[in-house]
């Protein structure tokens, strides 16, 4: 799996968004939200 390096500020935002969940789960939710907002056709099949 590729390694992603984050700034301290971005890491803190991710921790806050996780709100007690795992960081991986929070990150996938954020990616999905971004994708739906910026490319809604990507979820259509």
PDB file of N, CA and C in Angstrom:
ATOM      1  N   UNK A   1       0.845  -1.171   0.000  1.00  0.00           N
ATOM      2  CA  UNK A   1       0.000   0.000   0.000  1.00  0.00           C
ATOM      3  C   UNK A   1       0.894   1.239   0.000  1.00  0.00           C
ATOM      4  N   UNK A   2       0.558   2.238  -0.797  1.00  0.00           N
ATOM      5  CA  UNK A   2       1.374   3.461  -0.835  1.00  0.00           C
ATOM      6  C   UNK A   2       1.331   4.195   0.507  1.00  0.00           C
ATOM      7  N   UNK A   3       2.382   4.891   0.775  1.00  0.00           N
ATOM      8  CA  UNK A   3       2.474   5.689   1.996  1.00  0.00           C
ATOM      9  C   UNK A   3       2.145   7.135   1.658  1.00  0.00           C
ATOM     10  N   UNK A   4       1.302   7.753   2.468  1.00  0.00           N
ATOM     11  CA  UNK A   4       0.915   9.152   2.265  1.00  0.00           C
ATOM     12  C   UNK A   4       1.415   9.958   3.447  1.00  0.00           C
ATOM     13  N   UNK A   5       2.139  11.021   3.174  1.00  0.00           N
ATOM     14  CA  UNK A   5       2.622  11.883   4.242  1.00  0.00           C
ATOM     15  C   UNK A   5       1.762  13.137   4.285  1.00  0.00           C
ATOM     16  N   UNK A   6       1.316  13.483   5.487  1.00  0.00           N
ATOM     17  CA  UNK A   6       0.434  14.626   5.685  1.00  0.00           C
ATOM     18  C   UNK A   6       1.119  15.676   6.535  1.00  0.00           C
ATOM     19  N   UNK A   7       0.714  16.918   6.323  1.00  0.00           N
ATOM     20  CA  UNK A   7       1.187  17.971   7.208  1.00  0.00           C
ATOM     21  C   UNK A   7       0.537  17.775   8.578  1.00  0.00           C
ATOM     22  N   UNK A   8       1.121  18.348   9.589  1.00  0.00           N
ATOM     23  CA  UNK A   8       0.561  18.247  10.941  1.00  0.00           C
ATOM     24  C   UNK A   8      -0.851  18.823  10.986  1.00  0.00           C
ATOM     25  N   UNK A   9      -1.059  19.935  10.293  1.00  0.00           N
ATOM     26  CA  UNK A   9      -2.373  20.579  10.261  1.00  0.00           C
ATOM     27  C   UNK A   9      -3.428  19.666   9.627  1.00  0.00           C
ATOM     28  N   UNK A  10      -3.090  19.064   8.512  1.00  0.00           N
ATOM     29  CA  UNK A  10      -4.032  18.173   7.838  1.00  0.00           C
ATOM     30  C   UNK A  10      -4.301  16.927   8.675  1.00  0.00           C
ATOM     31  N   UNK A  11      -3.278  16.417   9.339  1.00  0.00           N
ATOM     32  CA  UNK A  11      -3.458  15.248  10.201  1.00  0.00           C
ATOM     33  C   UNK A  11      -4.421  15.572  11.341  1.00  0.00           C
ATOM     34  N   UNK A  12      -4.293  16.741  11.925  1.00  0.00           N
ATOM     35  CA  UNK A  12      -5.203  17.156  13.005  1.00  0.00           C
ATOM     36  C   UNK A  12      -6.630  17.303  12.499  1.00  0.00           C
ATOM     37  N   UNK A  13      -6.801  17.814  11.286  1.00  0.00           N
ATOM     38  CA  UNK A  13      -8.145  17.911  10.697  1.00  0.00           C
ATOM     39  C   UNK A  13      -8.740  16.525  10.516  1.00  0.00           C
ATOM     40  N   UNK A  14      -7.936  15.584  10.073  1.00  0.00           N
ATOM     41  CA  UNK A  14      -8.392  14.220   9.873  1.00  0.00           C
ATOM     42  C   UNK A  14      -8.789  13.580  11.199  1.00  0.00           C
ATOM     43  N   UNK A  15      -7.979  13.776  12.231  1.00  0.00           N
ATOM     44  CA  UNK A  15      -8.325  13.256  13.552  1.00  0.00           C
ATOM     45  C   UNK A  15      -9.637  13.846  14.047  1.00  0.00           C
ATOM     46  N   UNK A  16      -9.834  15.132  13.847  1.00  0.00           N
ATOM     47  CA  UNK A  16     -11.073  15.789  14.281  1.00  0.00           C
ATOM     48  C   UNK A  16     -12.267  15.231  13.518  1.00  0.00           C
ATOM     49  N   UNK A  17     -12.100  15.011  12.234  1.00  0.00           N
ATOM     50  CA  UNK A  17     -13.177  14.473  11.401  1.00  0.00           C
ATOM     51  C   UNK A  17     -13.502  13.035  11.788  1.00  0.00           C
ATOM     52  N   UNK A  18     -12.488  12.276  12.215  1.00  0.00           N
ATOM     53  CA  UNK A  18     -12.694  10.878  12.594  1.00  0.00           C
ATOM     54  C   UNK A  18     -13.627  10.771  13.788  1.00  0.00           C
ATOM     55  N   UNK A  19     -13.546  11.718  14.707  1.00  0.00           N
ATOM     56  CA  UNK A  19     -14.468  11.773  15.843  1.00  0.00           C
ATOM     57  C   UNK A  19     -14.595  10.416  16.544  1.00  0.00           C
ATOM     58  N   UNK A  20     -13.440   9.820  16.847  1.00  0.00           N
ATOM     59  CA  UNK A  20     -13.446   8.543  17.558  1.00  0.00           C
ATOM     60  C   UNK A  20     -13.436   7.317  16.658  1.00  0.00           C
ATOM     61  N   UNK A  21     -13.674   7.465  15.370  1.00  0.00           N
ATOM     62  CA  UNK A  21     -13.606   6.345  14.429  1.00  0.00           C
ATOM     63  C   UNK A  21     -12.143   6.116  14.052  1.00  0.00           C
ATOM     64  N   UNK A  22     -11.911   5.092  13.291  1.00  0.00           N
ATOM     65  CA  UNK A  22     -10.564   4.878  12.760  1.00  0.00           C
ATOM     66  C   UNK A  22     -10.248   5.937  11.713  1.00  0.00           C
ATOM     67  N   UNK A  23      -8.984   6.304  11.623  1.00  0.00           N
ATOM     68  CA  UNK A  23      -8.580   7.316  10.649  1.00  0.00           C
ATOM     69  C   UNK A  23      -8.835   6.857   9.220  1.00  0.00           C
ATOM     70  N   UNK A  24      -8.632   5.571   8.939  1.00  0.00           N
ATOM     71  CA  UNK A  24      -8.878   5.056   7.588  1.00  0.00           C
ATOM     72  C   UNK A  24     -10.339   5.239   7.191  1.00  0.00           C
ATOM     73  N   UNK A  25     -11.254   4.918   8.094  1.00  0.00           N
ATOM     74  CA  UNK A  25     -12.680   5.066   7.798  1.00  0.00           C
ATOM     75  C   UNK A  25     -13.035   6.526   7.541  1.00  0.00           C
ATOM     76  N   UNK A  26     -12.509   7.405   8.372  1.00  0.00           N
ATOM     77  CA  UNK A  26     -12.789   8.830   8.199  1.00  0.00           C
ATOM     78  C   UNK A  26     -12.239   9.336   6.868  1.00  0.00           C
ATOM     79  N   UNK A  27     -11.046   8.886   6.516  1.00  0.00           N
ATOM     80  CA  UNK A  27     -10.438   9.317   5.257  1.00  0.00           C
ATOM     81  C   UNK A  27     -11.261   8.848   4.060  1.00  0.00           C
ATOM     82  N   UNK A  28     -11.727   7.586   4.074  1.00  0.00           N
ATOM     83  CA  UNK A  28     -12.539   7.087   2.964  1.00  0.00           C
ATOM     84  C   UNK A  28     -13.852   7.856   2.850  1.00  0.00           C
ATOM     85  N   UNK A  29     -14.453   8.217   3.976  1.00  0.00           N
ATOM     86  CA  UNK A  29     -15.680   9.021   3.929  1.00  0.00           C
ATOM     87  C   UNK A  29     -15.411  10.380   3.310  1.00  0.00           C
ATOM     88  N   UNK A  30     -14.287  10.991   3.689  1.00  0.00           N
ATOM     89  CA  UNK A  30     -13.935  12.302   3.138  1.00  0.00           C
ATOM     90  C   UNK A  30     -13.682  12.215   1.633  1.00  0.00           C
ATOM     91  N   UNK A  31     -12.999  11.159   1.201  1.00  0.00           N
ATOM     92  CA  UNK A  31     -12.720  10.980  -0.231  1.00  0.00           C
ATOM     93  C   UNK A  31     -14.029  10.786  -0.993  1.00  0.00           C
ATOM     94  N   UNK A  32     -14.929   9.984  -0.445  1.00  0.00           N
ATOM     95  CA  UNK A  32     -16.224   9.769  -1.100  1.00  0.00           C
ATOM     96  C   UNK A  32     -17.034  11.039  -1.198  1.00  0.00           C
ATOM     97  N   UNK A  33     -17.025  11.828  -0.131  1.00  0.00           N
ATOM     98  CA  UNK A  33     -17.754  13.104  -0.140  1.00  0.00           C
ATOM     99  C   UNK A  33     -17.174  14.036  -1.195  1.00  0.00           C
ATOM    100  N   UNK A  34     -15.861  14.120  -1.266  1.00  0.00           N
ATOM    101  CA  UNK A  34     -15.196  14.965  -2.257  1.00  0.00           C
ATOM    102  C   UNK A  34     -15.542  14.503  -3.669  1.00  0.00           C
ATOM    103  N   UNK A  35     -15.474  13.196  -3.885  1.00  0.00           N
ATOM    104  CA  UNK A  35     -15.736  12.665  -5.228  1.00  0.00           C
ATOM    105  C   UNK A  35     -17.166  12.945  -5.662  1.00  0.00           C
ATOM    106  N   UNK A  36     -18.122  12.725  -4.768  1.00  0.00           N
ATOM    107  CA  UNK A  36     -19.523  12.990  -5.128  1.00  0.00           C
ATOM    108  C   UNK A  36     -19.768  14.469  -5.396  1.00  0.00           C
ATOM    109  N   UNK A  37     -19.096  15.325  -4.655  1.00  0.00           N
ATOM    110  CA  UNK A  37     -19.284  16.768  -4.822  1.00  0.00           C
ATOM    111  C   UNK A  37     -18.681  17.261  -6.131  1.00  0.00           C
ATOM    112  N   UNK A  38     -17.503  16.745  -6.502  1.00  0.00           N
ATOM    113  CA  UNK A  38     -16.773  17.259  -7.653  1.00  0.00           C
ATOM    114  C   UNK A  38     -16.948  16.437  -8.922  1.00  0.00           C
ATOM    115  N   UNK A  39     -17.486  15.225  -8.790  1.00  0.00           N
ATOM    116  CA  UNK A  39     -17.680  14.385  -9.972  1.00  0.00           C
ATOM    117  C   UNK A  39     -18.834  13.420  -9.710  1.00  0.00           C
ATOM    118  N   UNK A  40     -20.051  13.925  -9.636  1.00  0.00           N
ATOM    119  CA  UNK A  40     -21.180  13.065  -9.274  1.00  0.00           C
ATOM    120  C   UNK A  40     -21.411  11.912 -10.259  1.00  0.00           C
ATOM    121  N   UNK A  41     -20.958  12.052 -11.494  1.00  0.00           N
ATOM    122  CA  UNK A  41     -21.171  10.983 -12.470  1.00  0.00           C
ATOM    123  C   UNK A  41     -20.328   9.756 -12.131  1.00  0.00           C
ATOM    124  N   UNK A  42     -19.305   9.903 -11.321  1.00  0.00           N
ATOM    125  CA  UNK A  42     -18.422   8.775 -11.021  1.00  0.00           C
ATOM    126  C   UNK A  42     -19.128   7.666 -10.226  1.00  0.00           C
ATOM    127  N   UNK A  43     -20.211   8.000  -9.534  1.00  0.00           N
ATOM    128  CA  UNK A  43     -20.933   6.986  -8.757  1.00  0.00           C
ATOM    129  C   UNK A  43     -22.062   6.330  -9.536  1.00  0.00           C
ATOM    130  N   UNK A  44     -22.322   6.826 -10.723  1.00  0.00           N
ATOM    131  CA  UNK A  44     -23.403   6.240 -11.543  1.00  0.00           C
ATOM    132  C   UNK A  44     -22.855   5.086 -12.352  1.00  0.00           C
ATOM    133  N   UNK A  45     -23.658   4.062 -12.471  1.00  0.00           N
ATOM    134  CA  UNK A  45     -23.233   2.900 -13.268  1.00  0.00           C
ATOM    135  C   UNK A  45     -24.260   2.587 -14.301  1.00  0.00           C
TER     136      UNK A  45
END
